[in-house]
Amino acid sequence: MADFPVPRLESCLVVANPRAGSVTRELIDDVAERCARHAEVRLAWTARPGDATAIAAQEAAVARSSGVRVVVAVGGDGTVLEVVEGLVGDGRAPDGVALLVVPGGTGNSDYRSHWGERPWQQSLEKALGDGTVTPRRLDLARVRESGELIVLGAGVGLTAEVLRSARGIELRGKDRLRAGLDHAATHYTPFPGRVTVDGIVVHKGETVLANVGGGRHRAWQFLVLPDSVLDDGLLDVCVMGAEVPATDVPELLRTGAHVGLDATVYTRGRRVVLERTDGQPLCFEHDGELIADCGSRLTVDVLPGALPVLCAPADPSDPR
């Protein structure tokens, strides 16, 4: 658990995405007012995709070792991804900046991985106010073939198909994602796959899903990687073979009961290769975004300690 001391809080930059699922002017005003109790506050609204990345990159470029600039991302997991891309660039974020997430999206799994189920107001005060939380350098990952950065986690198979299924569902928020997984599971056909971790084949055959990360929860409610630690320098890997009916998967993932089944492989490593052995393209997502035309083989490499984050993650032994 890589913590580092911070001499002082220099400023807070609130990056707000007005298109995120639950962002309102009232929410942003509340966040800015609470931040202003502890530091100078600036507010930046995004107008289009990529804005949050550019804004965060400017903040990282002027960071100094004498203080910390906190970038408060207010939005969903997609907003967090953009902010992290700006902070990290092609390598590591500097020590002089730190990310703080306030949930304002649909799934908000990044927030849950950092703070559990605490109300955001308590988390913000704990991060900025009482001095008990200093930034921890959390691990990220990168797709070798495309260079895409992964913050929360990635998946192929059923947990990626849920994003396609959810498009036609007229529910909102977490209910939409839950209904999307139920719908995808009903119509899902396993694919011939192979998963290799640090050069060792851990699974080969019909595959329901393979997830790599990162955060313990996806879509807030699904405990996909229950043993994951955010700063251990390793990627958790969970693969479910076709011996588990796809229709059983939603309930298994809600409780974490899939771990320990004979059809489930759960391991850790630094490099993970995900493949379809029939040459067809993988159904692949990361950070809640479905990625098209990604090919039949992807390599995910861990980026140890790449991102300073103000957070207090739950212990993996706590099932919440």
C-alpha atoms as a PDB file:
ATOM      1  CA  MET A   1       0.000   0.000   0.000  1.00  0.00           C
ATOM      2  CA  ALA A   2       2.025   2.895  -1.343  1.00  0.00           C
ATOM      3  CA  ASP A   3       1.159   6.085   0.556  1.00  0.00           C
ATOM      4  CA  PHE A   4       3.267   9.221   0.382  1.00  0.00           C
ATOM      5  CA  PRO A   5       3.204  12.328   2.577  1.00  0.00           C
ATOM      6  CA  VAL A   6       1.776  15.568   1.220  1.00  0.00           C
ATOM      7  CA  PRO A   7       3.195  18.811   2.638  1.00  0.00           C
ATOM      8  CA  ARG A   8       0.024  20.845   2.117  1.00  0.00           C
ATOM      9  CA  LEU A   9      -3.135  21.126   0.076  1.00  0.00           C
ATOM     10  CA  GLU A  10      -2.433  23.695  -2.616  1.00  0.00           C
ATOM     11  CA  SER A  11      -5.719  23.892  -4.533  1.00  0.00           C
ATOM     12  CA  CYS A  12      -8.761  21.994  -5.755  1.00  0.00           C
ATOM     13  CA  LEU A  13      -9.817  21.866  -9.386  1.00  0.00           C
ATOM     14  CA  VAL A  14     -13.382  20.594  -9.763  1.00  0.00           C
ATOM     15  CA  VAL A  15     -13.903  18.997 -13.187  1.00  0.00           C
ATOM     16  CA  ALA A  16     -17.641  18.610 -13.791  1.00  0.00           C
ATOM     17  CA  ASN A  17     -19.340  16.722 -16.607  1.00  0.00           C
ATOM     18  CA  PRO A  18     -22.859  18.144 -17.091  1.00  0.00           C
ATOM     19  CA  ARG A  19     -23.878  15.150 -19.238  1.00  0.00           C
ATOM     20  CA  ALA A  20     -23.125  12.577 -16.536  1.00  0.00           C
ATOM     21  CA  GLY A  21     -26.089  10.670 -15.163  1.00  0.00           C
ATOM     22  CA  SER A  22     -26.701  12.535 -11.894  1.00  0.00           C
ATOM     23  CA  VAL A  23     -24.715  15.771 -12.210  1.00  0.00           C
ATOM     24  CA  THR A  24     -26.690  18.926 -11.459  1.00  0.00           C
ATOM     25  CA  ARG A  25     -25.711  22.529 -10.840  1.00  0.00           C
ATOM     26  CA  GLU A  26     -26.750  22.056  -7.227  1.00  0.00           C
ATOM     27  CA  LEU A  27     -24.375  19.106  -6.843  1.00  0.00           C
ATOM     28  CA  ILE A  28     -21.446  21.035  -8.305  1.00  0.00           C
ATOM     29  CA  ASP A  29     -22.141  24.073  -6.145  1.00  0.00           C
ATOM     30  CA  ASP A  30     -22.210  21.819  -3.076  1.00  0.00           C
ATOM     31  CA  VAL A  31     -18.919  20.137  -4.034  1.00  0.00           C
ATOM     32  CA  ALA A  32     -17.214  23.476  -4.731  1.00  0.00           C
ATOM     33  CA  GLU A  33     -18.426  24.997  -1.469  1.00  0.00           C
ATOM     34  CA  ARG A  34     -17.145  22.050   0.562  1.00  0.00           C
ATOM     35  CA  CYS A  35     -13.779  22.123  -1.196  1.00  0.00           C
ATOM     36  CA  ALA A  36     -13.507  25.882  -0.584  1.00  0.00           C
ATOM     37  CA  ARG A  37     -13.476  25.238   3.160  1.00  0.00           C
ATOM     38  CA  HIS A  38     -10.009  23.753   2.750  1.00  0.00           C
ATOM     39  CA  ALA A  39      -8.317  25.289  -0.307  1.00  0.00           C
ATOM     40  CA  GLU A  40      -8.588  27.614  -3.271  1.00  0.00           C
ATOM     41  CA  VAL A  41     -11.174  26.179  -5.697  1.00  0.00           C
ATOM     42  CA  ARG A  42     -11.471  26.441  -9.449  1.00  0.00           C
ATOM     43  CA  LEU A  43     -14.313  24.974 -11.487  1.00  0.00           C
ATOM     44  CA  ALA A  44     -14.091  23.601 -15.024  1.00  0.00           C
ATOM     45  CA  TRP A  45     -17.128  22.327 -16.904  1.00  0.00           C
ATOM     46  CA  THR A  46     -16.591  19.922 -19.775  1.00  0.00           C
ATOM     47  CA  ALA A  47     -18.375  20.552 -23.060  1.00  0.00           C
ATOM     48  CA  ARG A  48     -17.323  17.608 -25.212  1.00  0.00           C
ATOM     49  CA  PRO A  49     -15.451  14.291 -25.021  1.00  0.00           C
ATOM     50  CA  GLY A  50     -11.769  14.832 -24.325  1.00  0.00           C
ATOM     51  CA  ASP A  51     -12.207  18.084 -22.401  1.00  0.00           C
ATOM     52  CA  ALA A  52     -11.603  16.461 -19.017  1.00  0.00           C
ATOM     53  CA  THR A  53      -8.374  14.915 -20.314  1.00  0.00           C
ATOM     54  CA  ALA A  54      -7.056  18.250 -21.561  1.00  0.00           C
ATOM     55  CA  ILE A  55      -8.002  20.046 -18.343  1.00  0.00           C
ATOM     56  CA  ALA A  56      -6.356  17.414 -16.138  1.00  0.00           C
ATOM     57  CA  ALA A  57      -3.217  17.354 -18.296  1.00  0.00           C
ATOM     58  CA  GLN A  58      -2.778  21.099 -17.754  1.00  0.00           C
ATOM     59  CA  GLU A  59      -3.070  20.588 -13.998  1.00  0.00           C
ATOM     60  CA  ALA A  60      -0.470  17.807 -14.006  1.00  0.00           C
ATOM     61  CA  ALA A  61       1.915  19.948 -16.060  1.00  0.00           C
ATOM     62  CA  VAL A  62       2.100  22.674 -13.398  1.00  0.00           C
ATOM     63  CA  ALA A  63       2.137  20.404 -10.336  1.00  0.00           C
ATOM     64  CA  ARG A  64       4.938  21.087  -7.859  1.00  0.00           C
ATOM     65  CA  SER A  65       6.463  18.963  -5.137  1.00  0.00           C
ATOM     66  CA  SER A  66       5.830  21.682  -2.515  1.00  0.00           C
ATOM     67  CA  GLY A  67       2.085  21.069  -2.468  1.00  0.00           C
ATOM     68  CA  VAL A  68      -0.682  18.955  -3.934  1.00  0.00           C
ATOM     69  CA  ARG A  69      -3.276  20.021  -6.474  1.00  0.00           C
ATOM     70  CA  VAL A  70      -6.394  17.901  -6.035  1.00  0.00           C
ATOM     71  CA  VAL A  71      -8.411  17.229  -9.183  1.00  0.00           C
ATOM     72  CA  VAL A  72     -11.984  16.464  -8.144  1.00  0.00           C
ATOM     73  CA  ALA A  73     -13.730  14.466 -10.885  1.00  0.00           C
ATOM     74  CA  VAL A  74     -17.512  14.867 -10.670  1.00  0.00           C
ATOM     75  CA  GLY A  75     -19.225  12.505 -13.087  1.00  0.00           C
ATOM     76  CA  GLY A  76     -19.335   8.827 -13.906  1.00  0.00           C
ATOM     77  CA  ASP A  77     -16.640   6.272 -14.592  1.00  0.00           C
ATOM     78  CA  GLY A  78     -16.155   7.687 -18.099  1.00  0.00           C
ATOM     79  CA  THR A  79     -15.389  11.126 -16.659  1.00  0.00           C
ATOM     80  CA  VAL A  80     -12.924   9.579 -14.216  1.00  0.00           C
ATOM     81  CA  LEU A  81     -11.214   7.759 -17.090  1.00  0.00           C
ATOM     82  CA  GLU A  82     -10.763  11.003 -19.032  1.00  0.00           C
ATOM     83  CA  VAL A  83      -9.348  12.821 -16.002  1.00  0.00           C
ATOM     84  CA  VAL A  84      -6.914   9.987 -15.302  1.00  0.00           C
ATOM     85  CA  GLU A  85      -5.766   9.960 -18.931  1.00  0.00           C
ATOM     86  CA  GLY A  86      -4.847  13.613 -18.534  1.00  0.00           C
ATOM     87  CA  LEU A  87      -3.061  13.164 -15.226  1.00  0.00           C
ATOM     88  CA  VAL A  88      -1.069  10.112 -16.318  1.00  0.00           C
ATOM     89  CA  GLY A  89      -0.301  10.884 -19.959  1.00  0.00           C
ATOM     90  CA  ASP A  90       2.108   8.307 -21.353  1.00  0.00           C
ATOM     91  CA  GLY A  91       3.650   7.387 -18.011  1.00  0.00           C
ATOM     92  CA  ARG A  92       2.864   8.236 -14.371  1.00  0.00           C
ATOM     93  CA  ALA A  93       1.060  11.126 -12.736  1.00  0.00           C
ATOM     94  CA  PRO A  94       3.393  13.447 -10.787  1.00  0.00           C
ATOM     95  CA  ASP A  95       3.368  13.422  -6.985  1.00  0.00           C
ATOM     96  CA  GLY A  96       2.061  16.989  -6.964  1.00  0.00           C
ATOM     97  CA  VAL A  97      -1.443  16.053  -8.131  1.00  0.00           C
ATOM     98  CA  ALA A  98      -4.044  13.691  -6.712  1.00  0.00           C
ATOM     99  CA  LEU A  99      -7.427  12.477  -7.907  1.00  0.00           C
ATOM    100  CA  LEU A 100     -10.567  12.684  -5.772  1.00  0.00           C
ATOM    101  CA  VAL A 101     -13.761  11.151  -7.180  1.00  0.00           C
ATOM    102  CA  VAL A 102     -17.273  12.426  -6.435  1.00  0.00           C
ATOM    103  CA  PRO A 103     -19.995  10.150  -7.873  1.00  0.00           C
ATOM    104  CA  GLY A 104     -22.186  11.765 -10.505  1.00  0.00           C
ATOM    105  CA  GLY A 105     -22.731   9.041 -13.096  1.00  0.00           C
ATOM    106  CA  THR A 106     -24.656   5.812 -13.612  1.00  0.00           C
ATOM    107  CA  GLY A 107     -22.446   3.059 -12.226  1.00  0.00           C
ATOM    108  CA  ASN A 108     -19.977   5.085 -10.118  1.00  0.00           C
ATOM    109  CA  SER A 109     -17.817   2.010  -9.575  1.00  0.00           C
ATOM    110  CA  ASP A 110     -14.630   4.074  -9.342  1.00  0.00           C
ATOM    111  CA  TYR A 111     -16.089   5.918  -6.381  1.00  0.00           C
ATOM    112  CA  ARG A 112     -17.105   2.673  -4.716  1.00  0.00           C
ATOM    113  CA  SER A 113     -13.643   1.174  -5.217  1.00  0.00           C
ATOM    114  CA  HIS A 114     -12.106   4.222  -3.505  1.00  0.00           C
ATOM    115  CA  TRP A 115     -14.594   4.846  -0.688  1.00  0.00           C
ATOM    116  CA  GLY A 116     -17.049   1.954  -0.429  1.00  0.00           C
ATOM    117  CA  GLU A 117     -20.604   3.048   0.284  1.00  0.00           C
ATOM    118  CA  ARG A 118     -19.812   6.183   2.297  1.00  0.00           C
ATOM    119  CA  PRO A 119     -21.786   9.279   1.322  1.00  0.00           C
ATOM    120  CA  TRP A 120     -19.586  11.457  -0.869  1.00  0.00           C
ATOM    121  CA  GLN A 121     -19.844  14.356   1.566  1.00  0.00           C
ATOM    122  CA  GLN A 122     -18.129  12.282   4.264  1.00  0.00           C
ATOM    123  CA  SER A 123     -15.464  11.092   1.837  1.00  0.00           C
ATOM    124  CA  LEU A 124     -14.661  14.601   0.655  1.00  0.00           C
ATOM    125  CA  GLU A 125     -14.308  15.890   4.210  1.00  0.00           C
ATOM    126  CA  LYS A 126     -12.134  12.944   5.166  1.00  0.00           C
ATOM    127  CA  ALA A 127      -9.946  13.479   2.097  1.00  0.00           C
ATOM    128  CA  LEU A 128      -9.508  17.236   2.442  1.00  0.00           C
ATOM    129  CA  GLY A 129     -10.364  18.130   5.984  1.00  0.00           C
ATOM    130  CA  ASP A 130      -9.091  15.955   8.775  1.00  0.00           C
ATOM    131  CA  GLY A 131      -5.630  15.061   7.464  1.00  0.00           C
ATOM    132  CA  THR A 132      -6.061  11.319   7.973  1.00  0.00           C
ATOM    133  CA  VAL A 133      -6.047  10.498   4.247  1.00  0.00           C
ATOM    134  CA  THR A 134      -2.963  11.073   2.121  1.00  0.00           C
ATOM    135  CA  PRO A 135      -2.766  10.099  -1.555  1.00  0.00           C
ATOM    136  CA  ARG A 136      -2.104   6.457  -2.332  1.00  0.00           C
ATOM    137  CA  ARG A 137      -0.484   5.517  -5.611  1.00  0.00           C
ATOM    138  CA  LEU A 138      -2.949   3.125  -7.193  1.00  0.00           C
ATOM    139  CA  ASP A 139      -2.277   0.716 -10.033  1.00  0.00           C
ATOM    140  CA  LEU A 140      -3.632   1.224 -13.531  1.00  0.00           C
ATOM    141  CA  ALA A 141      -3.367  -0.931 -16.659  1.00  0.00           C
ATOM    142  CA  ARG A 142      -2.877  -0.421 -20.368  1.00  0.00           C
ATOM    143  CA  VAL A 143      -3.943  -2.331 -23.468  1.00  0.00           C
ATOM    144  CA  ARG A 144      -0.709  -3.024 -25.294  1.00  0.00           C
ATOM    145  CA  GLU A 145      -2.213  -3.263 -28.782  1.00  0.00           C
ATOM    146  CA  SER A 146      -4.100   0.052 -28.667  1.00  0.00           C
ATOM    147  CA  GLY A 147      -2.399   1.976 -25.863  1.00  0.00           C
ATOM    148  CA  GLU A 148      -5.742   2.529 -24.118  1.00  0.00           C
ATOM    149  CA  LEU A 149      -5.565   3.219 -20.409  1.00  0.00           C
ATOM    150  CA  ILE A 150      -7.626   1.121 -17.976  1.00  0.00           C
ATOM    151  CA  VAL A 151      -8.599   2.578 -14.606  1.00  0.00           C
ATOM    152  CA  LEU A 152     -11.383   0.470 -13.110  1.00  0.00           C
ATOM    153  CA  GLY A 153     -11.056  -2.768 -15.029  1.00  0.00           C
ATOM    154  CA  ALA A 154     -11.733  -4.551 -18.298  1.00  0.00           C
ATOM    155  CA  GLY A 155     -13.798  -7.506 -19.397  1.00  0.00           C
ATOM    156  CA  VAL A 156     -14.608  -9.735 -22.342  1.00  0.00           C
ATOM    157  CA  GLY A 157     -17.667 -11.883 -22.884  1.00  0.00           C
ATOM    158  CA  LEU A 158     -20.854 -11.519 -20.864  1.00  0.00           C
ATOM    159  CA  THR A 159     -19.770  -8.547 -18.743  1.00  0.00           C
ATOM    160  CA  ALA A 160     -19.037  -6.637 -21.944  1.00  0.00           C
ATOM    161  CA  GLU A 161     -22.247  -7.739 -23.665  1.00  0.00           C
ATOM    162  CA  VAL A 162     -24.218  -6.117 -20.840  1.00  0.00           C
ATOM    163  CA  LEU A 163     -23.350  -2.688 -22.249  1.00  0.00           C
ATOM    164  CA  ARG A 164     -24.813  -3.611 -25.623  1.00  0.00           C
ATOM    165  CA  SER A 165     -27.941  -5.077 -24.021  1.00  0.00           C
ATOM    166  CA  ALA A 166     -28.491  -2.055 -21.781  1.00  0.00           C
ATOM    167  CA  ARG A 167     -28.796   0.304 -24.760  1.00  0.00           C
ATOM    168  CA  GLY A 168     -32.391  -0.680 -25.442  1.00  0.00           C
ATOM    169  CA  ILE A 169     -33.560  -0.639 -21.824  1.00  0.00           C
ATOM    170  CA  GLU A 170     -35.474   2.426 -20.701  1.00  0.00           C
ATOM    171  CA  LEU A 171     -34.556   2.211 -17.035  1.00  0.00           C
ATOM    172  CA  ARG A 172     -32.000   4.573 -15.531  1.00  0.00           C
ATOM    173  CA  GLY A 173     -28.922   4.249 -13.375  1.00  0.00           C
ATOM    174  CA  LYS A 174     -27.951   1.006 -11.681  1.00  0.00           C
ATOM    175  CA  ASP A 175     -31.342  -0.563 -12.505  1.00  0.00           C
ATOM    176  CA  ARG A 176     -30.543  -0.206 -16.199  1.00  0.00           C
ATOM    177  CA  LEU A 177     -27.195  -1.967 -15.839  1.00  0.00           C
ATOM    178  CA  ARG A 178     -28.689  -4.748 -13.744  1.00  0.00           C
ATOM    179  CA  ALA A 179     -31.469  -5.306 -16.290  1.00  0.00           C
ATOM    180  CA  GLY A 180     -28.876  -5.226 -19.069  1.00  0.00           C
ATOM    181  CA  LEU A 181     -26.895  -8.059 -17.471  1.00  0.00           C
ATOM    182  CA  ASP A 182     -30.030 -10.133 -16.910  1.00  0.00           C
ATOM    183  CA  HIS A 183     -31.046  -9.634 -20.543  1.00  0.00           C
ATOM    184  CA  ALA A 184     -27.570 -10.382 -21.910  1.00  0.00           C
ATOM    185  CA  ALA A 185     -27.322 -13.565 -19.811  1.00  0.00           C
ATOM    186  CA  THR A 186     -30.593 -14.878 -21.238  1.00  0.00           C
ATOM    187  CA  HIS A 187     -29.337 -14.611 -24.824  1.00  0.00           C
ATOM    188  CA  TYR A 188     -25.624 -15.255 -24.312  1.00  0.00           C
ATOM    189  CA  THR A 189     -23.547 -17.865 -26.166  1.00  0.00           C
ATOM    190  CA  PRO A 190     -20.086 -18.671 -24.705  1.00  0.00           C
ATOM    191  CA  PHE A 191     -17.090 -18.187 -26.978  1.00  0.00           C
ATOM    192  CA  PRO A 192     -13.955 -20.296 -27.509  1.00  0.00           C
ATOM    193  CA  GLY A 193     -11.296 -18.490 -25.538  1.00  0.00           C
ATOM    194  CA  ARG A 194      -7.889 -18.611 -23.941  1.00  0.00           C
ATOM    195  CA  VAL A 195      -6.560 -16.556 -21.032  1.00  0.00           C
ATOM    196  CA  THR A 196      -2.836 -16.365 -20.288  1.00  0.00           C
ATOM    197  CA  VAL A 197      -1.419 -14.755 -17.139  1.00  0.00           C
ATOM    198  CA  ASP A 198       2.317 -14.022 -16.985  1.00  0.00           C
ATOM    199  CA  GLY A 199       2.959 -16.577 -19.709  1.00  0.00           C
ATOM    200  CA  ILE A 200       0.878 -19.377 -18.154  1.00  0.00           C
ATOM    201  CA  VAL A 201      -2.404 -20.485 -19.761  1.00  0.00           C
ATOM    202  CA  VAL A 202      -4.954 -20.440 -16.934  1.00  0.00           C
ATOM    203  CA  HIS A 203      -8.028 -21.142 -19.080  1.00  0.00           C
ATOM    204  CA  LYS A 204      -8.719 -22.590 -22.506  1.00  0.00           C
ATOM    205  CA  GLY A 205     -12.138 -23.540 -23.824  1.00  0.00           C
ATOM    206  CA  GLU A 206     -15.693 -22.250 -23.890  1.00  0.00           C
ATOM    207  CA  THR A 207     -15.781 -18.971 -21.986  1.00  0.00           C
ATOM    208  CA  VAL A 208     -18.591 -17.033 -20.349  1.00  0.00           C
ATOM    209  CA  LEU A 209     -16.506 -14.084 -19.193  1.00  0.00           C
ATOM    210  CA  ALA A 210     -13.021 -12.927 -18.308  1.00  0.00           C
ATOM    211  CA  ASN A 211     -12.464  -9.834 -16.185  1.00  0.00           C
ATOM    212  CA  VAL A 212      -9.237  -8.019 -15.351  1.00  0.00           C
ATOM    213  CA  GLY A 213      -8.697  -5.222 -12.799  1.00  0.00           C
ATOM    214  CA  GLY A 214      -8.777  -3.154 -10.803  1.00  0.00           C
ATOM    215  CA  GLY A 215     -11.842  -2.333  -8.796  1.00  0.00           C
ATOM    216  CA  ARG A 216     -13.688  -5.046  -6.912  1.00  0.00           C
ATOM    217  CA  HIS A 217     -17.140  -3.963  -8.142  1.00  0.00           C
ATOM    218  CA  ARG A 218     -18.439  -3.252 -11.619  1.00  0.00           C
ATOM    219  CA  ALA A 219     -21.640  -1.304 -12.282  1.00  0.00           C
ATOM    220  CA  TRP A 220     -21.548  -0.598  -8.500  1.00  0.00           C
ATOM    221  CA  GLN A 221     -23.441  -3.788  -7.588  1.00  0.00           C
ATOM    222  CA  PHE A 222     -21.488  -6.695  -9.119  1.00  0.00           C
ATOM    223  CA  LEU A 223     -18.650  -8.075  -6.992  1.00  0.00           C
ATOM    224  CA  VAL A 224     -16.621  -9.394  -9.914  1.00  0.00           C
ATOM    225  CA  LEU A 225     -13.129  -9.253  -8.363  1.00  0.00           C
ATOM    226  CA  PRO A 226     -13.766  -9.593  -4.618  1.00  0.00           C
ATOM    227  CA  ASP A 227     -10.113 -10.043  -3.591  1.00  0.00           C
ATOM    228  CA  SER A 228      -8.678  -7.138  -5.568  1.00  0.00           C
ATOM    229  CA  VAL A 229      -6.283  -4.698  -3.868  1.00  0.00           C
ATOM    230  CA  LEU A 230      -5.879  -1.384  -5.670  1.00  0.00           C
ATOM    231  CA  ASP A 231      -2.170  -0.886  -5.039  1.00  0.00           C
ATOM    232  CA  ASP A 232      -0.529  -4.327  -4.854  1.00  0.00           C
ATOM    233  CA  GLY A 233       1.135  -4.033  -8.277  1.00  0.00           C
ATOM    234  CA  LEU A 234      -0.960  -6.891  -9.678  1.00  0.00           C
ATOM    235  CA  LEU A 235      -4.040  -7.373 -11.849  1.00  0.00           C
ATOM    236  CA  ASP A 236      -6.756  -9.638 -10.494  1.00  0.00           C
ATOM    237  CA  VAL A 237      -8.117 -12.013 -13.139  1.00  0.00           C
ATOM    238  CA  CYS A 238     -11.429 -13.877 -13.037  1.00  0.00           C
ATOM    239  CA  VAL A 239     -12.463 -16.318 -15.794  1.00  0.00           C
ATOM    240  CA  MET A 240     -15.697 -18.309 -15.867  1.00  0.00           C
ATOM    241  CA  GLY A 241     -16.032 -21.314 -18.125  1.00  0.00           C
ATOM    242  CA  ALA A 242     -19.221 -22.510 -19.800  1.00  0.00           C
ATOM    243  CA  GLU A 243     -19.891 -25.100 -17.088  1.00  0.00           C
ATOM    244  CA  VAL A 244     -21.676 -22.229 -15.353  1.00  0.00           C
ATOM    245  CA  PRO A 245     -24.923 -21.359 -17.168  1.00  0.00           C
ATOM    246  CA  ALA A 246     -24.861 -17.728 -18.234  1.00  0.00           C
ATOM    247  CA  THR A 247     -28.268 -17.220 -16.645  1.00  0.00           C
ATOM    248  CA  ASP A 248     -26.740 -18.027 -13.233  1.00  0.00           C
ATOM    249  CA  VAL A 249     -24.035 -15.392 -13.559  1.00  0.00           C
ATOM    250  CA  PRO A 250     -25.948 -12.237 -12.511  1.00  0.00           C
ATOM    251  CA  GLU A 251     -26.826 -13.595  -9.080  1.00  0.00           C
ATOM    252  CA  LEU A 252     -23.373 -15.108  -8.605  1.00  0.00           C
ATOM    253  CA  LEU A 253     -21.726 -11.759  -9.360  1.00  0.00           C
ATOM    254  CA  ARG A 254     -24.010  -9.875  -6.987  1.00  0.00           C
ATOM    255  CA  THR A 255     -22.691 -11.903  -4.055  1.00  0.00           C
ATOM    256  CA  GLY A 256     -19.217 -12.952  -5.212  1.00  0.00           C
ATOM    257  CA  ALA A 257     -20.285 -16.596  -5.032  1.00  0.00           C
ATOM    258  CA  HIS A 258     -18.683 -17.328  -8.403  1.00  0.00           C
ATOM    259  CA  VAL A 259     -15.258 -17.425  -6.754  1.00  0.00           C
ATOM    260  CA  GLY A 260     -14.480 -20.963  -5.665  1.00  0.00           C
ATOM    261  CA  LEU A 261     -16.634 -22.677  -8.284  1.00  0.00           C
ATOM    262  CA  ASP A 262     -14.876 -25.389 -10.281  1.00  0.00           C
ATOM    263  CA  ALA A 263     -15.658 -23.480 -13.479  1.00  0.00           C
ATOM    264  CA  THR A 264     -14.036 -20.265 -12.200  1.00  0.00           C
ATOM    265  CA  VAL A 265     -10.353 -19.389 -12.348  1.00  0.00           C
ATOM    266  CA  TYR A 266      -9.277 -16.555 -10.047  1.00  0.00           C
ATOM    267  CA  THR A 267      -5.649 -15.496 -10.096  1.00  0.00           C
ATOM    268  CA  ARG A 268      -3.312 -12.478 -10.277  1.00  0.00           C
ATOM    269  CA  GLY A 269      -0.505 -11.323 -12.517  1.00  0.00           C
ATOM    270  CA  ARG A 270       1.231  -8.457 -14.250  1.00  0.00           C
ATOM    271  CA  ARG A 271       0.363  -9.282 -17.870  1.00  0.00           C
ATOM    272  CA  VAL A 272      -2.890 -10.817 -19.074  1.00  0.00           C
ATOM    273  CA  VAL A 273      -3.607 -11.988 -22.626  1.00  0.00           C
ATOM    274  CA  LEU A 274      -7.274 -12.408 -23.612  1.00  0.00           C
ATOM    275  CA  GLU A 275      -8.054 -14.296 -26.832  1.00  0.00           C
ATOM    276  CA  ARG A 276     -10.814 -15.720 -28.971  1.00  0.00           C
ATOM    277  CA  THR A 277      -9.328 -18.853 -30.469  1.00  0.00           C
ATOM    278  CA  ASP A 278     -11.729 -18.857 -33.440  1.00  0.00           C
ATOM    279  CA  GLY A 279     -10.301 -15.576 -34.732  1.00  0.00           C
ATOM    280  CA  GLN A 280     -13.545 -13.620 -34.283  1.00  0.00           C
ATOM    281  CA  PRO A 281     -13.360 -10.207 -32.582  1.00  0.00           C
ATOM    282  CA  LEU A 282     -13.669 -10.092 -28.809  1.00  0.00           C
ATOM    283  CA  CYS A 283     -16.560  -8.315 -27.166  1.00  0.00           C
ATOM    284  CA  PHE A 284     -14.410  -6.060 -24.983  1.00  0.00           C
ATOM    285  CA  GLU A 285     -15.088  -3.236 -22.562  1.00  0.00           C
ATOM    286  CA  HIS A 286     -13.093  -1.213 -20.087  1.00  0.00           C
ATOM    287  CA  ASP A 287     -14.274   1.367 -17.579  1.00  0.00           C
ATOM    288  CA  GLY A 288     -17.863   0.926 -18.729  1.00  0.00           C
ATOM    289  CA  GLU A 289     -17.105   1.694 -22.393  1.00  0.00           C
ATOM    290  CA  LEU A 290     -17.693  -0.897 -25.112  1.00  0.00           C
ATOM    291  CA  ILE A 291     -14.721  -0.935 -27.506  1.00  0.00           C
ATOM    292  CA  ALA A 292     -15.405  -1.807 -31.143  1.00  0.00           C
ATOM    293  CA  ASP A 293     -13.018  -3.473 -33.605  1.00  0.00           C
ATOM    294  CA  CYS A 294     -10.528  -4.567 -30.961  1.00  0.00           C
ATOM    295  CA  GLY A 295      -9.498  -7.792 -32.695  1.00  0.00           C
ATOM    296  CA  SER A 296      -9.346 -11.339 -31.366  1.00  0.00           C
ATOM    297  CA  ARG A 297      -6.350 -10.903 -29.021  1.00  0.00           C
ATOM    298  CA  LEU A 298      -5.644  -8.281 -26.389  1.00  0.00           C
ATOM    299  CA  THR A 299      -2.778  -7.871 -23.931  1.00  0.00           C
ATOM    300  CA  VAL A 300      -3.312  -5.991 -20.655  1.00  0.00           C
ATOM    301  CA  ASP A 301      -0.235  -4.823 -18.691  1.00  0.00           C
ATOM    302  CA  VAL A 302      -0.306  -3.479 -15.144  1.00  0.00           C
ATOM    303  CA  LEU A 303       1.051   0.031 -14.480  1.00  0.00           C
ATOM    304  CA  PRO A 304       2.064  -0.188 -10.818  1.00  0.00           C
ATOM    305  CA  GLY A 305       1.543   2.902  -8.681  1.00  0.00           C
ATOM    306  CA  ALA A 306       0.779   5.149 -11.641  1.00  0.00           C
ATOM    307  CA  LEU A 307      -1.901   7.371 -10.082  1.00  0.00           C
ATOM    308  CA  PRO A 308      -2.046   9.297  -6.761  1.00  0.00           C
ATOM    309  CA  VAL A 309      -5.593   9.092  -5.374  1.00  0.00           C
ATOM    310  CA  LEU A 310      -7.209  10.407  -2.217  1.00  0.00           C
ATOM    311  CA  CYS A 311      -9.117   7.354  -1.056  1.00  0.00           C
ATOM    312  CA  ALA A 312      -9.746   4.899   1.770  1.00  0.00           C
ATOM    313  CA  PRO A 313     -10.634   1.588   0.109  1.00  0.00           C
ATOM    314  CA  ALA A 314     -12.449  -1.131   2.018  1.00  0.00           C
ATOM    315  CA  ASP A 315     -10.501  -4.218   3.055  1.00  0.00           C
ATOM    316  CA  PRO A 316     -11.041  -7.066   0.529  1.00  0.00           C
ATOM    317  CA  SER A 317     -12.186  -9.289   3.421  1.00  0.00           C
ATOM    318  CA  ASP A 318     -15.209  -6.989   3.754  1.00  0.00           C
ATOM    319  CA  PRO A 319     -17.804  -8.249   1.201  1.00  0.00           C
ATOM    320  CA  ARG A 320     -19.450  -4.833   0.901  1.00  0.00           C
END
